[in-house]
Amino acid sequence: MVAAHHSALGFVDEDSTKRRQILEGASKVFMALGFDGASMGEIARAAGVSKGTLYVYFADKNRLFEAIVEEETLEQGRLAFNFDPERDVATTLLEFGRAYIELLCRPGGGSAIRTVMAIAERMPDVGRRYYERVLEHTIRRLAGYIAAHVDAGDLAVEDCQLAASQFMMACQASLFLPFIFQAAPPPSAERIAQVVESATRMFLAAYRVKPA
């Protein structure tokens, strides 16, 4: 019985490893060729598996692409932005803004976003899930932090969701669009810091409660 249990665990581990191997190979193919240009044969070659094995794990290209997006959303959802309400607002915004833009504009990261954007019209559920689980999830967390500081009397904000979105968009200014459209390489850490510092000053100028 114990031997059977270990055997089952070994199968699960092997199964998980093979699935990850397929997803990594498929990601490379989708990023290189786009959704339409990628074929299951090409994906099988890149993953180092047979087409038969590939179809055991994923029924078609749509299911495979959805699994890749799901992995991306889980990975980004695990990022530990520090929104402790006890932390100073300026410090929190500066740290979050830098981490957020470094994630958004990381080398290779744009390919996943471009692919999701390209496929969202054809597969709206995939686009919606990516938005809700990655972007909207982060907006809600930042909005909750802002709301805590409104309650504490540090900030005067009527719509915390809007204020959170405004700050995140201000951090993207001059960085994200040139990167996502491949008009510029990933921005340097120094440039990210400059833009995020400017966004933080704008946010505080608009929303910080002035001393009486």
Protein backbone atom coordinates (compact mmCIF):
# COMPACT_ATOMS: atom_id res chain seq x y z
CA MET A 1 0.00 0.00 0.00
CA VAL A 2 2.84 2.36 0.92
CA ALA A 3 4.72 1.48 -2.28
CA ALA A 4 1.59 2.20 -4.31
CA HIS A 5 1.23 5.56 -2.55
CA HIS A 6 4.83 6.50 -3.40
CA SER A 7 4.29 5.33 -6.96
CA ALA A 8 1.21 7.56 -7.26
CA LEU A 9 3.13 10.52 -5.89
CA GLY A 10 5.91 9.89 -8.39
CA PHE A 11 3.39 9.83 -11.22
CA VAL A 12 1.88 13.14 -10.06
CA ASP A 13 5.34 14.74 -9.89
CA GLU A 14 6.22 13.43 -13.36
CA ASP A 15 2.86 14.59 -14.70
CA SER A 16 3.37 18.10 -13.27
CA THR A 17 6.92 18.28 -14.66
CA LYS A 18 5.77 17.23 -18.14
CA ARG A 19 2.94 19.77 -18.08
CA ARG A 20 5.36 22.54 -17.08
CA GLN A 21 7.74 21.44 -19.84
CA ILE A 22 4.93 21.74 -22.39
CA LEU A 23 3.85 25.17 -21.12
CA GLU A 24 7.42 26.50 -21.29
CA GLY A 25 7.85 25.24 -24.85
CA ALA A 26 4.46 26.61 -25.90
CA SER A 27 5.22 30.02 -24.37
CA LYS A 28 8.35 30.33 -26.50
CA VAL A 29 6.46 29.39 -29.66
CA PHE A 30 3.52 31.73 -28.96
CA MET A 31 5.88 34.61 -28.22
CA ALA A 32 7.97 33.95 -31.34
CA LEU A 33 5.16 33.23 -33.82
CA GLY A 34 1.99 34.65 -32.21
CA PHE A 35 -1.17 32.66 -31.59
CA ASP A 36 -2.11 32.21 -35.24
CA GLY A 37 1.41 31.30 -36.38
CA ALA A 38 1.91 28.66 -33.68
CA SER A 39 1.05 25.05 -34.53
CA MET A 40 0.67 22.10 -32.20
CA GLY A 41 3.50 20.39 -34.11
CA GLU A 42 5.83 23.34 -33.57
CA ILE A 43 4.86 23.47 -29.88
CA ALA A 44 5.52 19.73 -29.46
CA ARG A 45 9.00 20.14 -30.99
CA ALA A 46 9.82 23.14 -28.77
CA ALA A 47 8.62 21.27 -25.67
CA GLY A 48 10.54 18.10 -26.58
CA VAL A 49 7.46 15.87 -26.57
CA SER A 50 5.48 13.95 -29.18
CA LYS A 51 2.25 15.38 -30.57
CA GLY A 52 0.46 12.44 -28.97
CA THR A 53 1.79 13.41 -25.54
CA LEU A 54 0.87 17.04 -26.17
CA TYR A 55 -2.75 16.09 -26.90
CA VAL A 56 -2.92 13.99 -23.72
CA TYR A 57 -2.42 17.20 -21.73
CA PHE A 58 -4.19 19.77 -23.93
CA ALA A 59 -7.07 19.15 -26.33
CA ASP A 60 -6.19 22.03 -28.64
CA LYS A 61 -4.22 25.25 -29.05
CA ASN A 62 -6.90 27.33 -27.31
CA ARG A 63 -6.73 25.21 -24.13
CA LEU A 64 -2.95 25.39 -24.16
CA PHE A 65 -2.95 29.17 -24.53
CA GLU A 66 -5.50 29.52 -21.71
CA ALA A 67 -3.24 27.43 -19.46
CA ILE A 68 -0.28 29.73 -20.21
CA VAL A 69 -2.32 32.82 -19.35
CA GLU A 70 -3.49 31.10 -16.17
CA GLU A 71 0.14 30.42 -15.16
CA GLU A 72 1.04 34.06 -15.83
CA THR A 73 -1.86 35.32 -13.72
CA LEU A 74 -0.95 33.00 -10.83
CA GLU A 75 2.69 34.06 -10.97
CA GLN A 76 1.82 37.76 -10.92
CA GLY A 77 -0.81 37.22 -8.23
CA ARG A 78 1.90 35.79 -5.96
CA LEU A 79 3.90 39.03 -6.05
CA ALA A 80 4.03 40.48 -2.57
CA PHE A 81 3.48 44.21 -2.95
CA ASN A 82 3.65 45.66 0.58
CA PHE A 83 0.34 47.42 1.25
CA ASP A 84 0.59 47.38 5.05
CA PRO A 85 -1.74 50.23 6.13
CA GLU A 86 0.75 51.24 8.83
CA ARG A 87 3.36 52.18 6.21
CA ASP A 88 3.99 55.76 5.10
CA VAL A 89 2.06 56.67 1.93
CA ALA A 90 4.95 58.20 -0.04
CA THR A 91 7.29 55.28 0.71
CA THR A 92 4.63 52.70 -0.15
CA LEU A 93 3.71 54.37 -3.44
CA LEU A 94 7.35 54.75 -4.50
CA GLU A 95 8.18 51.11 -3.73
CA PHE A 96 5.01 49.76 -5.30
CA GLY A 97 5.34 51.94 -8.42
CA ARG A 98 8.89 50.81 -9.09
CA ALA A 99 8.07 47.11 -8.53
CA TYR A 100 4.93 47.37 -10.68
CA ILE A 101 6.68 48.96 -13.66
CA GLU A 102 9.68 46.64 -13.42
CA LEU A 103 7.21 43.74 -13.63
CA LEU A 104 5.16 45.29 -16.44
CA CYS A 105 8.17 46.25 -18.56
CA ARG A 106 10.48 43.33 -17.79
CA PRO A 107 12.38 41.83 -20.76
CA GLY A 108 10.12 39.23 -22.36
CA GLY A 109 7.13 40.28 -20.28
CA GLY A 110 5.66 42.38 -23.06
CA SER A 111 5.28 39.36 -25.32
CA ALA A 112 2.74 37.75 -22.97
CA ILE A 113 0.71 40.96 -22.71
CA ARG A 114 0.80 41.53 -26.50
CA THR A 115 -0.36 37.97 -27.09
CA VAL A 116 -3.26 38.32 -24.64
CA MET A 117 -4.25 41.66 -26.20
CA ALA A 118 -4.13 40.14 -29.69
CA ILE A 119 -6.31 37.17 -28.74
CA ALA A 120 -8.78 38.96 -26.40
CA GLU A 121 -11.30 39.74 -29.16
CA ARG A 122 -11.42 36.10 -30.27
CA MET A 123 -11.20 34.64 -26.75
CA PRO A 124 -12.82 37.29 -24.52
CA ASP A 125 -12.92 35.00 -21.47
CA VAL A 126 -9.12 34.75 -21.54
CA GLY A 127 -8.71 38.53 -21.79
CA ARG A 128 -11.27 39.15 -19.05
CA ARG A 129 -9.68 36.67 -16.66
CA TYR A 130 -6.23 38.15 -17.24
CA TYR A 131 -7.55 41.65 -16.55
CA GLU A 132 -9.52 40.64 -13.45
CA ARG A 133 -6.86 38.43 -11.86
CA VAL A 134 -3.81 40.56 -12.64
CA LEU A 135 -4.66 44.20 -13.27
CA GLU A 136 -7.93 44.65 -11.40
CA HIS A 137 -6.65 42.57 -8.48
CA THR A 138 -3.71 44.97 -8.06
CA ILE A 139 -5.95 48.04 -8.43
CA ARG A 140 -8.24 46.70 -5.68
CA ARG A 141 -5.31 46.07 -3.33
CA LEU A 142 -3.90 49.56 -3.84
CA ALA A 143 -7.40 51.06 -3.48
CA GLY A 144 -7.79 49.26 -0.14
CA TYR A 145 -4.49 50.74 1.08
CA ILE A 146 -5.59 54.22 -0.04
CA ALA A 147 -8.96 53.78 1.72
CA ALA A 148 -7.15 52.92 4.98
CA HIS A 149 -5.28 56.22 4.78
CA VAL A 150 -8.46 58.10 3.96
CA ASP A 151 -9.93 56.66 7.18
CA ALA A 152 -6.76 57.70 9.03
CA GLY A 153 -7.13 61.27 7.77
CA ASP A 154 -3.91 61.27 5.69
CA LEU A 155 -5.62 61.37 2.30
CA ALA A 156 -8.79 62.97 0.95
CA VAL A 157 -10.07 60.68 -1.82
CA GLU A 158 -13.68 60.24 -2.96
CA ASP A 159 -13.11 57.30 -5.31
CA CYS A 160 -10.24 55.06 -4.14
CA GLN A 161 -10.50 52.72 -7.15
CA LEU A 162 -10.13 55.69 -9.50
CA ALA A 163 -7.22 57.12 -7.50
CA ALA A 164 -5.45 53.74 -7.56
CA SER A 165 -5.92 53.48 -11.33
CA GLN A 166 -4.69 57.04 -11.81
CA PHE A 167 -1.50 56.34 -9.89
CA MET A 168 -0.79 53.13 -11.78
CA MET A 169 -1.37 54.85 -15.14
CA ALA A 170 0.84 57.78 -14.11
CA CYS A 171 3.62 55.29 -13.32
CA GLN A 172 3.27 53.87 -16.84
CA ALA A 173 3.59 57.31 -18.51
CA SER A 174 6.28 57.38 -21.23
CA LEU A 175 7.37 53.83 -20.25
CA PHE A 176 4.73 51.19 -20.93
CA LEU A 177 3.31 52.12 -24.35
CA PRO A 178 6.69 52.55 -26.11
CA PHE A 179 7.75 49.23 -24.56
CA ILE A 180 4.58 47.27 -25.42
CA PHE A 181 4.61 48.52 -29.03
CA GLN A 182 8.33 47.73 -29.31
CA ALA A 183 9.21 51.36 -29.98
CA ALA A 184 11.68 51.32 -27.07
CA PRO A 185 13.59 48.70 -25.05
CA PRO A 186 12.68 47.96 -21.41
CA PRO A 187 13.26 51.16 -19.42
CA SER A 188 16.24 51.48 -17.09
CA ALA A 189 15.85 51.37 -13.31
CA GLU A 190 16.88 55.05 -13.20
CA ARG A 191 14.19 56.07 -15.69
CA ILE A 192 11.55 54.02 -13.86
CA ALA A 193 12.52 55.72 -10.58
CA GLN A 194 12.20 59.20 -12.19
CA VAL A 195 8.73 58.50 -13.59
CA VAL A 196 7.44 56.84 -10.39
CA GLU A 197 8.74 59.72 -8.25
CA SER A 198 6.89 62.17 -10.51
CA ALA A 199 3.69 60.07 -10.30
CA THR A 200 3.98 59.98 -6.51
CA ARG A 201 4.39 63.76 -6.29
CA MET A 202 1.31 64.24 -8.48
CA PHE A 203 -0.74 61.81 -6.39
CA LEU A 204 0.21 63.45 -3.11
CA ALA A 205 -0.36 66.94 -4.50
CA ALA A 206 -3.88 65.92 -5.49
CA TYR A 207 -4.89 63.79 -2.50
CA ARG A 208 -2.73 64.40 0.57
CA VAL A 209 -4.53 66.24 3.37
CA LYS A 210 -2.82 69.59 3.93
CA PRO A 211 -1.93 70.44 7.56
CA ALA A 212 -4.39 72.88 9.13
